Amino acid sequence: MIELDFNITIVGLGLIGGSFAMALKELKPKNLWAVDIDKEAIKKAENMRIIDKGYINPKIPLEKSDIVITCIYPNLTVKFIKENMDNFKAGCIITDTAGIKEKLIKDIYTCIREDIDFIGGHPMAGRESKGLAYATKNIFKDANYLITPVDGNKEENIETIEKLVRAIGFKNIVKLDPKQHDKVIAFTSHLPHIMASALINSDNRRDTKFFVAGSYKDATRVAKINSELWTELIMDNRDNTLEQIEIFEKSIETFKKAIMNNDKECLKFLFNKGSKKREELI
């Protein structure tokens, strides 16, 4: 376990922010504060003792925070950082948890102070439900964490973020540039959510629940979605997402043609190819 001789502020006490609070509290930082617009969320977090104190007014903790972790929607992240630019402590590290990076980082760097280091971060972890009630430190266990450094980030600050996220359970930490991040995430995250929603929306039966088993449940699991968040993520990553949809359409068309042509060998080949790739993935 690493020693965290830092004052840390978490912005947003939802699923991810609450989970960060639970995990970081065990590392015993100097102080662990939170900012949220929801008084009840702050009160609950304080009662759970996963933060030392919560604030509606961000100025109070930001002025003393060495590390700030924003756990809110991408556009709100940009808005929060811009509105509080004068409140951040000199030399502080700001990192985020948003699912897109290129646009977010470009927007932030239009106003970032020279004495502040913003380092993009993306925990590849979550649940279908939102809110502090569903937070748990266990969602980070053995998960992947993406860091999107840019020119100007200090190496020692990147290392601090790496050590921090590894200490709370993340196993694989990958560094890549923001543009490449968004391209990859369009395939591994945005496309699967669209596929799950499209699959379940194509159902025109009223009694489907009596005919489903593991495969249908697994394929549609992420269709239980935070529509506001995912609309924002996908629209801000529109070009990459459209590219991946087109690639997938070509893939599904290959299956369709094999079935139409009664081509058993082709269908078997496609299934075997997918099975092998799935085995390599896990």
Protein backbone atom coordinates (compact mmCIF):
# COMPACT_ATOMS: atom_id res chain seq x y z
CA MET A 1 0.00 0.00 0.00
CA ILE A 2 1.35 3.42 -0.95
CA GLU A 3 1.33 6.42 1.33
CA LEU A 4 -0.77 9.29 0.02
CA ASP A 5 0.61 12.45 1.56
CA PHE A 6 -1.88 14.49 -0.44
CA ASN A 7 -5.07 16.42 -0.04
CA ILE A 8 -7.45 14.93 -2.60
CA THR A 9 -10.80 16.24 -3.80
CA ILE A 10 -13.31 14.15 -5.74
CA VAL A 11 -15.78 16.10 -7.87
CA GLY A 12 -19.07 14.22 -8.19
CA LEU A 13 -20.28 11.57 -5.77
CA GLY A 14 -22.02 9.27 -8.22
CA LEU A 15 -21.11 5.68 -9.05
CA ILE A 16 -17.51 6.39 -10.08
CA GLY A 17 -16.84 9.23 -7.68
CA GLY A 18 -18.28 7.27 -4.77
CA SER A 19 -16.24 4.22 -5.73
CA PHE A 20 -13.07 6.34 -5.90
CA ALA A 21 -13.87 7.71 -2.45
CA MET A 22 -14.32 4.22 -0.99
CA ALA A 23 -11.08 2.97 -2.52
CA LEU A 24 -8.98 6.04 -1.76
CA LYS A 25 -10.16 6.30 1.84
CA GLU A 26 -8.45 2.99 2.57
CA LEU A 27 -5.13 4.50 1.46
CA LYS A 28 -5.46 7.14 4.18
CA PRO A 29 -4.67 10.35 2.29
CA LYS A 30 -3.94 13.48 4.29
CA ASN A 31 -7.48 14.67 3.56
CA LEU A 32 -10.16 13.28 1.25
CA TRP A 33 -12.80 15.84 0.32
CA ALA A 34 -15.67 15.83 -2.16
CA VAL A 35 -17.65 18.37 -4.13
CA ASP A 36 -21.23 17.78 -5.23
CA ILE A 37 -24.35 19.83 -5.91
CA ASP A 38 -26.45 17.23 -4.07
CA LYS A 39 -26.51 17.90 -0.32
CA GLU A 40 -27.97 14.46 0.36
CA ALA A 41 -25.11 12.75 -1.49
CA ILE A 42 -22.59 14.71 0.56
CA LYS A 43 -24.37 13.89 3.80
CA LYS A 44 -24.54 10.21 2.90
CA ALA A 45 -20.84 10.08 1.97
CA GLU A 46 -19.89 11.77 5.23
CA ASN A 47 -22.07 9.38 7.23
CA MET A 48 -20.49 6.43 5.42
CA ARG A 49 -17.10 7.92 6.34
CA ILE A 50 -15.80 7.52 2.79
CA ILE A 51 -14.83 11.22 2.74
CA ASP A 52 -13.60 13.55 5.44
CA LYS A 53 -15.89 16.37 4.37
CA GLY A 54 -18.08 17.34 1.44
CA TYR A 55 -18.72 20.76 -0.06
CA ILE A 56 -21.26 22.46 -2.26
CA ASN A 57 -18.83 25.34 -2.79
CA PRO A 58 -15.76 23.93 -4.60
CA LYS A 59 -13.52 26.90 -3.80
CA ILE A 60 -12.94 25.74 -0.22
CA PRO A 61 -11.35 22.32 -0.92
CA LEU A 62 -9.81 23.19 -4.31
CA GLU A 63 -7.56 25.86 -2.79
CA LYS A 64 -5.91 23.17 -0.65
CA SER A 65 -6.06 20.11 -2.93
CA ASP A 66 -2.95 18.53 -4.42
CA ILE A 67 -4.99 16.14 -6.57
CA VAL A 68 -8.45 16.73 -8.02
CA ILE A 69 -10.39 13.87 -9.62
CA THR A 70 -13.43 14.90 -11.64
CA CYS A 71 -16.07 12.16 -11.83
CA ILE A 72 -18.75 13.96 -13.82
CA TYR A 73 -19.94 14.08 -17.43
CA PRO A 74 -17.41 15.27 -20.06
CA ASN A 75 -19.04 18.64 -20.78
CA LEU A 76 -19.57 19.26 -17.07
CA THR A 77 -15.89 18.42 -16.49
CA VAL A 78 -14.84 21.16 -18.90
CA LYS A 79 -17.34 23.60 -17.40
CA PHE A 80 -16.23 22.85 -13.83
CA ILE A 81 -12.54 23.28 -14.59
CA LYS A 82 -13.08 26.53 -16.52
CA GLU A 83 -15.31 28.01 -13.83
CA ASN A 84 -12.88 27.08 -11.04
CA MET A 85 -9.61 27.91 -12.79
CA ASP A 86 -8.79 30.59 -10.22
CA ASN A 87 -9.55 28.25 -7.33
CA PHE A 88 -7.10 25.43 -8.02
CA LYS A 89 -4.00 25.22 -5.89
CA ALA A 90 -0.76 26.05 -7.69
CA GLY A 91 0.97 22.87 -8.79
CA CYS A 92 -2.07 20.66 -8.40
CA ILE A 93 -2.79 17.64 -10.59
CA ILE A 94 -6.25 17.42 -12.14
CA THR A 95 -7.42 14.18 -13.69
CA ASP A 96 -10.79 13.09 -14.99
CA THR A 97 -12.74 9.87 -15.52
CA ALA A 98 -14.64 10.71 -18.71
CA GLY A 99 -15.13 8.21 -21.53
CA ILE A 100 -13.94 10.55 -24.29
CA LYS A 101 -10.72 12.50 -24.41
CA GLU A 102 -9.78 14.43 -27.57
CA LYS A 103 -12.48 17.13 -27.47
CA LEU A 104 -12.43 17.34 -23.67
CA ILE A 105 -8.67 17.87 -23.47
CA LYS A 106 -8.67 20.41 -26.31
CA ASP A 107 -11.40 22.40 -24.55
CA ILE A 108 -9.61 22.31 -21.21
CA TYR A 109 -6.29 23.38 -22.68
CA THR A 110 -7.84 26.56 -24.04
CA CYS A 111 -7.86 27.90 -20.49
CA ILE A 112 -5.57 25.77 -18.31
CA ARG A 113 -3.10 27.62 -16.11
CA GLU A 114 0.60 26.92 -16.62
CA ASP A 115 1.03 25.89 -12.99
CA ILE A 116 -1.64 23.17 -13.20
CA ASP A 117 -1.20 19.73 -14.76
CA PHE A 118 -4.30 18.16 -16.31
CA ILE A 119 -3.82 14.45 -17.08
CA GLY A 120 -6.62 12.60 -18.83
CA GLY A 121 -7.75 9.37 -17.18
CA HIS A 122 -10.37 6.75 -17.99
CA PRO A 123 -11.23 3.91 -15.58
CA MET A 124 -12.55 1.01 -17.65
CA ALA A 125 -15.01 0.06 -14.97
CA GLY A 126 -18.63 0.68 -14.16
CA ARG A 127 -22.07 -0.75 -13.56
CA GLU A 128 -25.45 -0.50 -15.25
CA SER A 129 -26.89 1.54 -12.38
CA LYS A 130 -25.86 5.07 -11.43
CA GLY A 131 -25.52 6.95 -8.17
CA LEU A 132 -23.68 6.68 -4.87
CA ALA A 133 -25.97 3.85 -3.74
CA TYR A 134 -24.30 1.56 -6.30
CA ALA A 135 -20.71 2.64 -5.62
CA THR A 136 -18.18 0.01 -4.58
CA LYS A 137 -14.41 -0.08 -4.47
CA ASN A 138 -14.56 -3.57 -6.00
CA ILE A 139 -15.44 -2.32 -9.50
CA PHE A 140 -11.79 -1.28 -9.90
CA LYS A 141 -10.31 -4.67 -8.99
CA ASP A 142 -8.17 -5.97 -11.88
CA ALA A 143 -9.75 -3.46 -14.28
CA ASN A 144 -7.97 -1.53 -17.03
CA TYR A 145 -7.09 2.16 -16.67
CA LEU A 146 -6.28 4.43 -19.60
CA ILE A 147 -4.12 7.53 -19.27
CA THR A 148 -3.93 10.04 -22.12
CA PRO A 149 -0.85 12.21 -21.55
CA VAL A 150 -0.13 15.20 -23.77
CA ASP A 151 2.89 17.42 -24.35
CA GLY A 152 3.50 19.45 -21.24
CA ASN A 153 2.40 16.85 -18.69
CA LYS A 154 5.09 16.28 -16.09
CA GLU A 155 6.39 12.73 -15.95
CA GLU A 156 6.37 12.70 -12.14
CA ASN A 157 2.69 13.68 -12.13
CA ILE A 158 1.81 10.92 -14.60
CA GLU A 159 3.64 8.49 -12.32
CA THR A 160 1.65 9.78 -9.34
CA ILE A 161 -1.62 9.02 -11.12
CA GLU A 162 -0.32 5.60 -12.17
CA LYS A 163 0.64 4.69 -8.59
CA LEU A 164 -2.66 5.99 -7.24
CA VAL A 165 -4.90 4.00 -9.59
CA ARG A 166 -2.80 0.87 -9.26
CA ALA A 167 -3.08 1.13 -5.46
CA ILE A 168 -6.90 1.12 -5.63
CA GLY A 169 -7.02 -2.06 -7.70
CA PHE A 170 -6.46 -1.32 -11.38
CA LYS A 171 -4.30 -3.97 -12.99
CA ASN A 172 -3.43 -2.87 -16.53
CA ILE A 173 -2.51 0.77 -17.07
CA VAL A 174 -2.23 1.85 -20.68
CA LYS A 175 -0.96 5.19 -21.98
CA LEU A 176 -2.12 6.47 -25.36
CA ASP A 177 -2.81 9.80 -27.00
CA PRO A 178 -6.34 11.27 -26.77
CA LYS A 179 -7.13 10.76 -30.46
CA GLN A 180 -6.21 7.08 -30.39
CA HIS A 181 -8.13 6.66 -27.12
CA ASP A 182 -11.35 7.87 -28.69
CA LYS A 183 -10.89 5.70 -31.76
CA VAL A 184 -10.37 2.53 -29.70
CA ILE A 185 -13.15 3.34 -27.22
CA ALA A 186 -15.61 3.82 -30.09
CA PHE A 187 -15.11 0.12 -30.81
CA THR A 188 -14.73 -1.39 -27.35
CA SER A 189 -17.31 0.72 -25.52
CA HIS A 190 -19.56 2.90 -27.65
CA LEU A 191 -20.35 0.30 -30.30
CA PRO A 192 -21.27 -2.46 -27.79
CA HIS A 193 -23.71 -0.13 -26.03
CA ILE A 194 -25.33 0.75 -29.35
CA MET A 195 -25.48 -2.94 -30.33
CA ALA A 196 -27.10 -3.92 -27.04
CA SER A 197 -29.73 -1.20 -27.36
CA ALA A 198 -30.36 -1.98 -31.03
CA LEU A 199 -30.79 -5.69 -30.26
CA ILE A 200 -33.29 -5.20 -27.47
CA ASN A 201 -35.13 -2.47 -29.42
CA SER A 202 -35.62 -4.90 -32.32
CA ASP A 203 -37.77 -7.09 -30.08
CA ASN A 204 -41.48 -6.80 -31.00
CA ARG A 205 -42.75 -9.51 -28.66
CA ARG A 206 -44.38 -8.82 -25.33
CA ASP A 207 -43.44 -12.13 -23.73
CA THR A 208 -39.72 -12.25 -24.59
CA LYS A 209 -38.70 -12.60 -20.96
CA PHE A 210 -40.12 -16.13 -20.92
CA PHE A 211 -37.78 -17.22 -23.71
CA VAL A 212 -34.41 -15.76 -22.78
CA ALA A 213 -31.36 -17.40 -21.31
CA GLY A 214 -27.74 -16.39 -20.73
CA SER A 215 -26.83 -15.38 -24.27
CA TYR A 216 -29.60 -12.81 -24.65
CA LYS A 217 -29.10 -11.46 -21.14
CA ASP A 218 -25.34 -11.13 -21.68
CA ALA A 219 -25.75 -9.48 -25.08
CA THR A 220 -28.23 -6.89 -23.78
CA ARG A 221 -26.76 -6.26 -20.31
CA VAL A 222 -25.45 -2.78 -21.10
CA ALA A 223 -28.74 -1.77 -22.73
CA LYS A 224 -29.73 -0.68 -19.22
CA ILE A 225 -28.05 2.62 -19.87
CA ASN A 226 -27.65 6.15 -18.59
CA SER A 227 -29.09 7.68 -21.76
CA GLU A 228 -28.05 11.25 -20.98
CA LEU A 229 -24.40 10.32 -20.42
CA TRP A 230 -24.12 7.93 -23.34
CA THR A 231 -25.76 10.34 -25.77
CA GLU A 232 -23.15 12.93 -24.80
CA LEU A 233 -20.26 10.46 -25.09
CA ILE A 234 -21.29 9.14 -28.50
CA MET A 235 -22.16 12.51 -30.01
CA ASP A 236 -18.81 13.92 -28.89
CA ASN A 237 -17.13 10.90 -30.50
CA ARG A 238 -19.43 10.87 -33.51
CA ASP A 239 -17.00 10.26 -36.39
CA ASN A 240 -15.18 7.38 -34.68
CA THR A 241 -18.47 5.77 -33.65
CA LEU A 242 -19.94 6.00 -37.14
CA GLU A 243 -16.79 4.41 -38.56
CA GLN A 244 -17.12 1.47 -36.17
CA ILE A 245 -20.84 1.05 -36.95
CA GLU A 246 -19.99 0.82 -40.65
CA ILE A 247 -17.31 -1.80 -39.99
CA PHE A 248 -19.77 -3.80 -37.90
CA GLU A 249 -22.43 -3.55 -40.60
CA LYS A 250 -19.99 -5.15 -43.03
CA SER A 251 -19.29 -7.93 -40.54
CA ILE A 252 -22.97 -8.70 -39.92
CA GLU A 253 -23.55 -8.63 -43.69
CA THR A 254 -20.97 -11.40 -44.05
CA PHE A 255 -23.00 -13.59 -41.68
CA LYS A 256 -26.20 -12.69 -43.50
CA LYS A 257 -24.77 -13.69 -46.89
CA ALA A 258 -23.45 -16.99 -45.55
CA ILE A 259 -26.93 -17.87 -44.25
CA MET A 260 -28.68 -16.68 -47.42
CA ASN A 261 -26.32 -18.74 -49.58
CA ASN A 262 -26.63 -21.79 -47.34
CA ASP A 263 -22.83 -21.63 -47.00
CA LYS A 264 -22.22 -23.81 -43.98
CA GLU A 265 -18.44 -23.73 -44.31
CA CYS A 266 -18.37 -19.93 -44.34
CA LEU A 267 -20.67 -19.73 -41.32
CA LYS A 268 -18.59 -22.27 -39.45
CA PHE A 269 -15.44 -20.32 -40.32
CA LEU A 270 -16.95 -17.08 -39.00
CA PHE A 271 -18.04 -18.71 -35.75
CA ASN A 272 -14.63 -20.33 -35.24
CA LYS A 273 -12.86 -17.05 -35.97
CA GLY A 274 -14.99 -15.26 -33.38
CA SER A 275 -14.52 -18.02 -30.84
CA LYS A 276 -10.74 -17.85 -31.18
CA LYS A 277 -10.71 -14.07 -30.81
CA ARG A 278 -12.89 -14.32 -27.72
CA GLU A 279 -10.51 -16.84 -26.14
CA GLU A 280 -7.57 -14.55 -26.84
CA LEU A 281 -9.43 -11.66 -25.21
CA ILE A 282 -9.86 -13.40 -21.87
